[in-house]
Amino acid sequence: MRLCELREKEVINSCDCKRLGCVVDIEFDCSSGQIEALIVPGPGKICGFLGTDSEYVIPFHCVKRIGPDIILVEIREEKFLKKI
């Protein structure tokens, strides 16, 4: 699967069925070539507007299923939400 294909998929947290957003980037290990984490923009500053100052860094082992339209992850949001 290519990064452009991952970007078209919406990320859903299966713990609370909350929509997190779409994949914007990935982290990978250069030596092994394996994906380490998915990067998803965090919530907007004011009701989803005016950009964002945080992002979700979701370890690939938290990905439970990749379907044709969505990626299901199982995370505690506060643990994986990082300030930019």
PDB file of N, CA and C in Angstrom:
ATOM      1  N   MET A   1       0.844  -1.179   0.000  1.00  0.00           N
ATOM      2  CA  MET A   1       0.000   0.000   0.000  1.00  0.00           C
ATOM      3  C   MET A   1       0.889   1.241   0.000  1.00  0.00           C
ATOM      4  N   ARG A   2       0.492   2.235  -0.738  1.00  0.00           N
ATOM      5  CA  ARG A   2       1.255   3.488  -0.844  1.00  0.00           C
ATOM      6  C   ARG A   2       0.705   4.534   0.124  1.00  0.00           C
ATOM      7  N   LEU A   3       1.556   5.518   0.437  1.00  0.00           N
ATOM      8  CA  LEU A   3       1.146   6.594   1.332  1.00  0.00           C
ATOM      9  C   LEU A   3      -0.065   7.331   0.768  1.00  0.00           C
ATOM     10  N   CYS A   4      -0.097   7.551  -0.535  1.00  0.00           N
ATOM     11  CA  CYS A   4      -1.248   8.257  -1.126  1.00  0.00           C
ATOM     12  C   CYS A   4      -2.548   7.485  -0.907  1.00  0.00           C
ATOM     13  N   GLU A   5      -2.484   6.161  -0.836  1.00  0.00           N
ATOM     14  CA  GLU A   5      -3.677   5.356  -0.563  1.00  0.00           C
ATOM     15  C   GLU A   5      -4.086   5.478   0.907  1.00  0.00           C
ATOM     16  N   LEU A   6      -3.096   5.568   1.817  1.00  0.00           N
ATOM     17  CA  LEU A   6      -3.408   5.740   3.242  1.00  0.00           C
ATOM     18  C   LEU A   6      -4.047   7.099   3.499  1.00  0.00           C
ATOM     19  N   ARG A   7      -3.602   8.132   2.772  1.00  0.00           N
ATOM     20  CA  ARG A   7      -4.128   9.484   2.974  1.00  0.00           C
ATOM     21  C   ARG A   7      -5.609   9.597   2.628  1.00  0.00           C
ATOM     22  N   GLU A   8      -6.118   8.719   1.809  1.00  0.00           N
ATOM     23  CA  GLU A   8      -7.521   8.762   1.416  1.00  0.00           C
ATOM     24  C   GLU A   8      -8.429   8.121   2.459  1.00  0.00           C
ATOM     25  N   LYS A   9      -7.851   7.493   3.457  1.00  0.00           N
ATOM     26  CA  LYS A   9      -8.645   6.758   4.454  1.00  0.00           C
ATOM     27  C   LYS A   9      -8.821   7.585   5.729  1.00  0.00           C
ATOM     28  N   GLU A  10     -10.005   7.476   6.314  1.00  0.00           N
ATOM     29  CA  GLU A  10     -10.315   8.160   7.552  1.00  0.00           C
ATOM     30  C   GLU A  10      -9.917   7.276   8.730  1.00  0.00           C
ATOM     31  N   VAL A  11      -9.338   7.876   9.773  1.00  0.00           N
ATOM     32  CA  VAL A  11      -8.903   7.130  10.950  1.00  0.00           C
ATOM     33  C   VAL A  11      -9.982   7.240  12.023  1.00  0.00           C
ATOM     34  N   ILE A  12     -10.441   6.079  12.513  1.00  0.00           N
ATOM     35  CA  ILE A  12     -11.495   6.003  13.533  1.00  0.00           C
ATOM     36  C   ILE A  12     -10.938   5.282  14.755  1.00  0.00           C
ATOM     37  N   ASN A  13     -11.164   5.861  15.942  1.00  0.00           N
ATOM     38  CA  ASN A  13     -10.748   5.224  17.183  1.00  0.00           C
ATOM     39  C   ASN A  13     -11.843   4.248  17.601  1.00  0.00           C
ATOM     40  N   SER A  14     -11.536   2.964  17.641  1.00  0.00           N
ATOM     41  CA  SER A  14     -12.547   1.954  17.965  1.00  0.00           C
ATOM     42  C   SER A  14     -12.940   1.964  19.444  1.00  0.00           C
ATOM     43  N   CYS A  15     -12.164   2.616  20.306  1.00  0.00           N
ATOM     44  CA  CYS A  15     -12.514   2.670  21.729  1.00  0.00           C
ATOM     45  C   CYS A  15     -13.767   3.512  21.976  1.00  0.00           C
ATOM     46  N   ASP A  16     -13.883   4.653  21.257  1.00  0.00           N
ATOM     47  CA  ASP A  16     -15.037   5.530  21.456  1.00  0.00           C
ATOM     48  C   ASP A  16     -15.748   5.892  20.152  1.00  0.00           C
ATOM     49  N   CYS A  17     -15.347   5.234  19.053  1.00  0.00           N
ATOM     50  CA  CYS A  17     -15.940   5.456  17.720  1.00  0.00           C
ATOM     51  C   CYS A  17     -15.809   6.896  17.241  1.00  0.00           C
ATOM     52  N   LYS A  18     -14.764   7.582  17.707  1.00  0.00           N
ATOM     53  CA  LYS A  18     -14.543   8.966  17.331  1.00  0.00           C
ATOM     54  C   LYS A  18     -13.698   9.062  16.072  1.00  0.00           C
ATOM     55  N   ARG A  19     -14.067   9.971  15.184  1.00  0.00           N
ATOM     56  CA  ARG A  19     -13.306  10.235  13.966  1.00  0.00           C
ATOM     57  C   ARG A  19     -12.107  11.101  14.338  1.00  0.00           C
ATOM     58  N   LEU A  20     -10.895  10.631  14.022  1.00  0.00           N
ATOM     59  CA  LEU A  20      -9.690  11.386  14.342  1.00  0.00           C
ATOM     60  C   LEU A  20      -9.222  12.255  13.181  1.00  0.00           C
ATOM     61  N   GLY A  21      -9.540  11.859  11.967  1.00  0.00           N
ATOM     62  CA  GLY A  21      -9.109  12.596  10.790  1.00  0.00           C
ATOM     63  C   GLY A  21      -8.490  11.649   9.776  1.00  0.00           C
ATOM     64  N   CYS A  22      -7.744  12.216   8.848  1.00  0.00           N
ATOM     65  CA  CYS A  22      -7.096  11.424   7.808  1.00  0.00           C
ATOM     66  C   CYS A  22      -5.588  11.449   8.000  1.00  0.00           C
ATOM     67  N   VAL A  23      -4.924  10.412   7.559  1.00  0.00           N
ATOM     68  CA  VAL A  23      -3.466  10.296   7.665  1.00  0.00           C
ATOM     69  C   VAL A  23      -2.824  11.393   6.819  1.00  0.00           C
ATOM     70  N   VAL A  24      -1.871  12.134   7.404  1.00  0.00           N
ATOM     71  CA  VAL A  24      -1.140  13.149   6.644  1.00  0.00           C
ATOM     72  C   VAL A  24       0.312  12.750   6.420  1.00  0.00           C
ATOM     73  N   ASP A  25       0.826  11.851   7.259  1.00  0.00           N
ATOM     74  CA  ASP A  25       2.222  11.445   7.139  1.00  0.00           C
ATOM     75  C   ASP A  25       2.425  10.129   7.881  1.00  0.00           C
ATOM     76  N   ILE A  26       3.594   9.547   7.690  1.00  0.00           N
ATOM     77  CA  ILE A  26       3.955   8.323   8.411  1.00  0.00           C
ATOM     78  C   ILE A  26       5.372   8.457   8.937  1.00  0.00           C
ATOM     79  N   GLU A  27       5.680   7.702   9.968  1.00  0.00           N
ATOM     80  CA  GLU A  27       7.056   7.534  10.440  1.00  0.00           C
ATOM     81  C   GLU A  27       7.451   6.110  10.098  1.00  0.00           C
ATOM     82  N   PHE A  28       8.663   5.944   9.564  1.00  0.00           N
ATOM     83  CA  PHE A  28       9.105   4.588   9.268  1.00  0.00           C
ATOM     84  C   PHE A  28      10.561   4.420   9.617  1.00  0.00           C
ATOM     85  N   ASP A  29      10.959   3.173   9.827  1.00  0.00           N
ATOM     86  CA  ASP A  29      12.320   2.801  10.157  1.00  0.00           C
ATOM     87  C   ASP A  29      13.091   2.630   8.850  1.00  0.00           C
ATOM     88  N   CYS A  30      14.111   3.461   8.664  1.00  0.00           N
ATOM     89  CA  CYS A  30      14.883   3.424   7.412  1.00  0.00           C
ATOM     90  C   CYS A  30      15.597   2.097   7.208  1.00  0.00           C
ATOM     91  N   SER A  31      16.062   1.485   8.283  1.00  0.00           N
ATOM     92  CA  SER A  31      16.828   0.246   8.131  1.00  0.00           C
ATOM     93  C   SER A  31      15.952  -0.947   7.764  1.00  0.00           C
ATOM     94  N   SER A  32      14.748  -1.010   8.330  1.00  0.00           N
ATOM     95  CA  SER A  32      13.876  -2.154   8.031  1.00  0.00           C
ATOM     96  C   SER A  32      12.821  -1.828   6.974  1.00  0.00           C
ATOM     97  N   GLY A  33      12.527  -0.527   6.790  1.00  0.00           N
ATOM     98  CA  GLY A  33      11.505  -0.124   5.839  1.00  0.00           C
ATOM     99  C   GLY A  33      10.089  -0.303   6.351  1.00  0.00           C
ATOM    100  N   GLN A  34       9.927  -0.584   7.647  1.00  0.00           N
ATOM    101  CA  GLN A  34       8.595  -0.811   8.220  1.00  0.00           C
ATOM    102  C   GLN A  34       8.008   0.486   8.769  1.00  0.00           C
ATOM    103  N   ILE A  35       6.697   0.597   8.656  1.00  0.00           N
ATOM    104  CA  ILE A  35       5.999   1.755   9.216  1.00  0.00           C
ATOM    105  C   ILE A  35       6.002   1.654  10.732  1.00  0.00           C
ATOM    106  N   GLU A  36       6.372   2.744  11.398  1.00  0.00           N
ATOM    107  CA  GLU A  36       6.364   2.771  12.863  1.00  0.00           C
ATOM    108  C   GLU A  36       5.133   3.481  13.412  1.00  0.00           C
ATOM    109  N   ALA A  37       4.667   4.541  12.720  1.00  0.00           N
ATOM    110  CA  ALA A  37       3.528   5.301  13.233  1.00  0.00           C
ATOM    111  C   ALA A  37       2.810   6.023  12.104  1.00  0.00           C
ATOM    112  N   LEU A  38       1.515   6.289  12.334  1.00  0.00           N
ATOM    113  CA  LEU A  38       0.711   7.115  11.445  1.00  0.00           C
ATOM    114  C   LEU A  38       0.565   8.483  12.094  1.00  0.00           C
ATOM    115  N   ILE A  39       0.643   9.544  11.300  1.00  0.00           N
ATOM    116  CA  ILE A  39       0.488  10.907  11.808  1.00  0.00           C
ATOM    117  C   ILE A  39      -0.848  11.448  11.304  1.00  0.00           C
ATOM    118  N   VAL A  40      -1.684  11.898  12.257  1.00  0.00           N
ATOM    119  CA  VAL A  40      -3.003  12.438  11.957  1.00  0.00           C
ATOM    120  C   VAL A  40      -3.099  13.800  12.652  1.00  0.00           C
ATOM    121  N   PRO A  41      -3.544  14.858  11.950  1.00  0.00           N
ATOM    122  CA  PRO A  41      -3.674  16.165  12.616  1.00  0.00           C
ATOM    123  C   PRO A  41      -4.619  16.094  13.799  1.00  0.00           C
ATOM    124  N   GLY A  42      -4.294  16.842  14.849  1.00  0.00           N
ATOM    125  CA  GLY A  42      -5.136  16.885  16.035  1.00  0.00           C
ATOM    126  C   GLY A  42      -6.336  17.779  15.835  1.00  0.00           C
ATOM    127  N   PRO A  43      -7.147  17.939  16.872  1.00  0.00           N
ATOM    128  CA  PRO A  43      -8.338  18.791  16.771  1.00  0.00           C
ATOM    129  C   PRO A  43      -7.963  20.248  16.566  1.00  0.00           C
ATOM    130  N   GLY A  44      -8.864  21.016  15.916  1.00  0.00           N
ATOM    131  CA  GLY A  44      -8.627  22.437  15.667  1.00  0.00           C
ATOM    132  C   GLY A  44      -8.627  23.239  16.955  1.00  0.00           C
ATOM    133  N   LYS A  45      -8.085  24.449  16.873  1.00  0.00           N
ATOM    134  CA  LYS A  45      -7.973  25.300  18.060  1.00  0.00           C
ATOM    135  C   LYS A  45      -9.332  25.784  18.554  1.00  0.00           C
ATOM    136  N   ILE A  46     -10.160  26.285  17.628  1.00  0.00           N
ATOM    137  CA  ILE A  46     -11.472  26.811  18.014  1.00  0.00           C
ATOM    138  C   ILE A  46     -12.536  26.104  17.187  1.00  0.00           C
ATOM    139  N   CYS A  47     -13.201  25.134  17.777  1.00  0.00           N
ATOM    140  CA  CYS A  47     -14.265  24.379  17.106  1.00  0.00           C
ATOM    141  C   CYS A  47     -13.814  23.810  15.760  1.00  0.00           C
ATOM    142  N   GLY A  48     -12.561  23.418  15.665  1.00  0.00           N
ATOM    143  CA  GLY A  48     -12.069  22.826  14.430  1.00  0.00           C
ATOM    144  C   GLY A  48     -11.552  23.822  13.413  1.00  0.00           C
ATOM    145  N   PHE A  49     -11.582  25.112  13.753  1.00  0.00           N
ATOM    146  CA  PHE A  49     -11.116  26.144  12.833  1.00  0.00           C
ATOM    147  C   PHE A  49      -9.740  26.654  13.235  1.00  0.00           C
ATOM    148  N   LEU A  50      -9.162  27.472  12.394  1.00  0.00           N
ATOM    149  CA  LEU A  50      -7.878  28.148  12.645  1.00  0.00           C
ATOM    150  C   LEU A  50      -6.712  27.188  12.808  1.00  0.00           C
ATOM    151  N   GLY A  51      -6.737  26.083  12.106  1.00  0.00           N
ATOM    152  CA  GLY A  51      -5.606  25.160  12.125  1.00  0.00           C
ATOM    153  C   GLY A  51      -5.530  24.344  13.397  1.00  0.00           C
ATOM    154  N   THR A  52      -4.370  23.734  13.591  1.00  0.00           N
ATOM    155  CA  THR A  52      -4.177  22.863  14.748  1.00  0.00           C
ATOM    156  C   THR A  52      -2.757  23.042  15.277  1.00  0.00           C
ATOM    157  N   ASP A  53      -2.571  22.806  16.552  1.00  0.00           N
ATOM    158  CA  ASP A  53      -1.239  22.906  17.135  1.00  0.00           C
ATOM    159  C   ASP A  53      -0.809  21.573  17.742  1.00  0.00           C
ATOM    160  N   SER A  54      -1.501  20.509  17.337  1.00  0.00           N
ATOM    161  CA  SER A  54      -1.176  19.179  17.859  1.00  0.00           C
ATOM    162  C   SER A  54      -1.434  18.137  16.777  1.00  0.00           C
ATOM    163  N   GLU A  55      -0.940  16.941  17.024  1.00  0.00           N
ATOM    164  CA  GLU A  55      -1.151  15.832  16.095  1.00  0.00           C
ATOM    165  C   GLU A  55      -1.172  14.527  16.863  1.00  0.00           C
ATOM    166  N   TYR A  56      -1.856  13.552  16.289  1.00  0.00           N
ATOM    167  CA  TYR A  56      -1.848  12.209  16.849  1.00  0.00           C
ATOM    168  C   TYR A  56      -0.700  11.451  16.204  1.00  0.00           C
ATOM    169  N   VAL A  57       0.153  10.865  17.021  1.00  0.00           N
ATOM    170  CA  VAL A  57       1.219   9.976  16.540  1.00  0.00           C
ATOM    171  C   VAL A  57       0.797   8.585  17.006  1.00  0.00           C
ATOM    172  N   ILE A  58       0.241   7.813  16.078  1.00  0.00           N
ATOM    173  CA  ILE A  58      -0.369   6.529  16.404  1.00  0.00           C
ATOM    174  C   ILE A  58       0.581   5.400  16.020  1.00  0.00           C
ATOM    175  N   PRO A  59       1.138   4.680  17.007  1.00  0.00           N
ATOM    176  CA  PRO A  59       2.031   3.561  16.689  1.00  0.00           C
ATOM    177  C   PRO A  59       1.318   2.540  15.807  1.00  0.00           C
ATOM    178  N   PHE A  60       2.053   1.963  14.883  1.00  0.00           N
ATOM    179  CA  PHE A  60       1.423   1.050  13.929  1.00  0.00           C
ATOM    180  C   PHE A  60       0.834  -0.183  14.608  1.00  0.00           C
ATOM    181  N   HIS A  61       1.370  -0.578  15.760  1.00  0.00           N
ATOM    182  CA  HIS A  61       0.797  -1.747  16.457  1.00  0.00           C
ATOM    183  C   HIS A  61      -0.592  -1.446  17.024  1.00  0.00           C
ATOM    184  N   CYS A  62      -0.998  -0.169  17.076  1.00  0.00           N
ATOM    185  CA  CYS A  62      -2.346   0.196  17.521  1.00  0.00           C
ATOM    186  C   CYS A  62      -3.365   0.145  16.388  1.00  0.00           C
ATOM    187  N   VAL A  63      -2.897  -0.037  15.159  1.00  0.00           N
ATOM    188  CA  VAL A  63      -3.807  -0.168  14.021  1.00  0.00           C
ATOM    189  C   VAL A  63      -4.408  -1.567  14.067  1.00  0.00           C
ATOM    190  N   LYS A  64      -5.721  -1.632  14.147  1.00  0.00           N
ATOM    191  CA  LYS A  64      -6.406  -2.924  14.252  1.00  0.00           C
ATOM    192  C   LYS A  64      -6.880  -3.452  12.909  1.00  0.00           C
ATOM    193  N   ARG A  65      -7.239  -2.539  12.003  1.00  0.00           N
ATOM    194  CA  ARG A  65      -7.771  -2.975  10.711  1.00  0.00           C
ATOM    195  C   ARG A  65      -7.657  -1.839   9.705  1.00  0.00           C
ATOM    196  N   ILE A  66      -7.248  -2.178   8.494  1.00  0.00           N
ATOM    197  CA  ILE A  66      -7.234  -1.213   7.396  1.00  0.00           C
ATOM    198  C   ILE A  66      -8.233  -1.708   6.363  1.00  0.00           C
ATOM    199  N   GLY A  67      -9.307  -0.948   6.195  1.00  0.00           N
ATOM    200  CA  GLY A  67     -10.345  -1.315   5.244  1.00  0.00           C
ATOM    201  C   GLY A  67     -10.261  -0.465   3.986  1.00  0.00           C
ATOM    202  N   PRO A  68     -11.228  -0.615   3.100  1.00  0.00           N
ATOM    203  CA  PRO A  68     -11.208   0.143   1.850  1.00  0.00           C
ATOM    204  C   PRO A  68     -11.387   1.651   2.060  1.00  0.00           C
ATOM    205  N   ASP A  69     -12.090   2.061   3.135  1.00  0.00           N
ATOM    206  CA  ASP A  69     -12.373   3.477   3.368  1.00  0.00           C
ATOM    207  C   ASP A  69     -11.836   4.014   4.684  1.00  0.00           C
ATOM    208  N   ILE A  70     -11.645   3.136   5.673  1.00  0.00           N
ATOM    209  CA  ILE A  70     -11.240   3.607   6.997  1.00  0.00           C
ATOM    210  C   ILE A  70     -10.101   2.774   7.560  1.00  0.00           C
ATOM    211  N   ILE A  71      -9.442   3.372   8.554  1.00  0.00           N
ATOM    212  CA  ILE A  71      -8.411   2.686   9.335  1.00  0.00           C
ATOM    213  C   ILE A  71      -8.901   2.685  10.775  1.00  0.00           C
ATOM    214  N   LEU A  72      -9.086   1.507  11.363  1.00  0.00           N
ATOM    215  CA  LEU A  72      -9.508   1.395  12.758  1.00  0.00           C
ATOM    216  C   LEU A  72      -8.276   1.305  13.651  1.00  0.00           C
ATOM    217  N   VAL A  73      -8.239   2.171  14.659  1.00  0.00           N
ATOM    218  CA  VAL A  73      -7.141   2.145  15.625  1.00  0.00           C
ATOM    219  C   VAL A  73      -7.736   2.003  17.014  1.00  0.00           C
ATOM    220  N   GLU A  74      -6.932   1.572  17.937  1.00  0.00           N
ATOM    221  CA  GLU A  74      -7.377   1.437  19.329  1.00  0.00           C
ATOM    222  C   GLU A  74      -6.371   2.175  20.197  1.00  0.00           C
ATOM    223  N   ILE A  75      -6.746   3.421  20.580  1.00  0.00           N
ATOM    224  CA  ILE A  75      -5.832   4.255  21.370  1.00  0.00           C
ATOM    225  C   ILE A  75      -6.601   5.009  22.451  1.00  0.00           C
ATOM    226  N   ARG A  76      -5.864   5.463  23.455  1.00  0.00           N
ATOM    227  CA  ARG A  76      -6.359   6.460  24.397  1.00  0.00           C
ATOM    228  C   ARG A  76      -5.841   7.785  23.857  1.00  0.00           C
ATOM    229  N   GLU A  77      -6.730   8.647  23.409  1.00  0.00           N
ATOM    230  CA  GLU A  77      -6.345   9.857  22.689  1.00  0.00           C
ATOM    231  C   GLU A  77      -5.336  10.720  23.429  1.00  0.00           C
ATOM    232  N   GLU A  78      -5.538  10.930  24.724  1.00  0.00           N
ATOM    233  CA  GLU A  78      -4.657  11.818  25.475  1.00  0.00           C
ATOM    234  C   GLU A  78      -3.205  11.309  25.499  1.00  0.00           C
ATOM    235  N   LYS A  79      -3.034  10.017  25.374  1.00  0.00           N
ATOM    236  CA  LYS A  79      -1.689   9.439  25.411  1.00  0.00           C
ATOM    237  C   LYS A  79      -0.919   9.684  24.110  1.00  0.00           C
ATOM    238  N   PHE A  80      -1.616   9.750  22.979  1.00  0.00           N
ATOM    239  CA  PHE A  80      -0.960   9.861  21.690  1.00  0.00           C
ATOM    240  C   PHE A  80      -1.104  11.226  21.039  1.00  0.00           C
ATOM    241  N   LEU A  81      -1.744  12.188  21.687  1.00  0.00           N
ATOM    242  CA  LEU A  81      -1.875  13.535  21.175  1.00  0.00           C
ATOM    243  C   LEU A  81      -0.636  14.326  21.574  1.00  0.00           C
ATOM    244  N   LYS A  82       0.134  14.782  20.601  1.00  0.00           N
ATOM    245  CA  LYS A  82       1.398  15.478  20.852  1.00  0.00           C
ATOM    246  C   LYS A  82       1.305  16.916  20.358  1.00  0.00           C
ATOM    247  N   LYS A  83       1.890  17.842  21.100  1.00  0.00           N
ATOM    248  CA  LYS A  83       1.969  19.246  20.667  1.00  0.00           C
ATOM    249  C   LYS A  83       3.019  19.371  19.581  1.00  0.00           C
ATOM    250  N   ILE A  84       2.734  20.220  18.607  1.00  0.00           N
ATOM    251  CA  ILE A  84       3.693  20.438  17.511  1.00  0.00           C
ATOM    252  C   ILE A  84       4.669  21.522  17.905  1.00  0.00           C
TER     253      ILE A  84
END
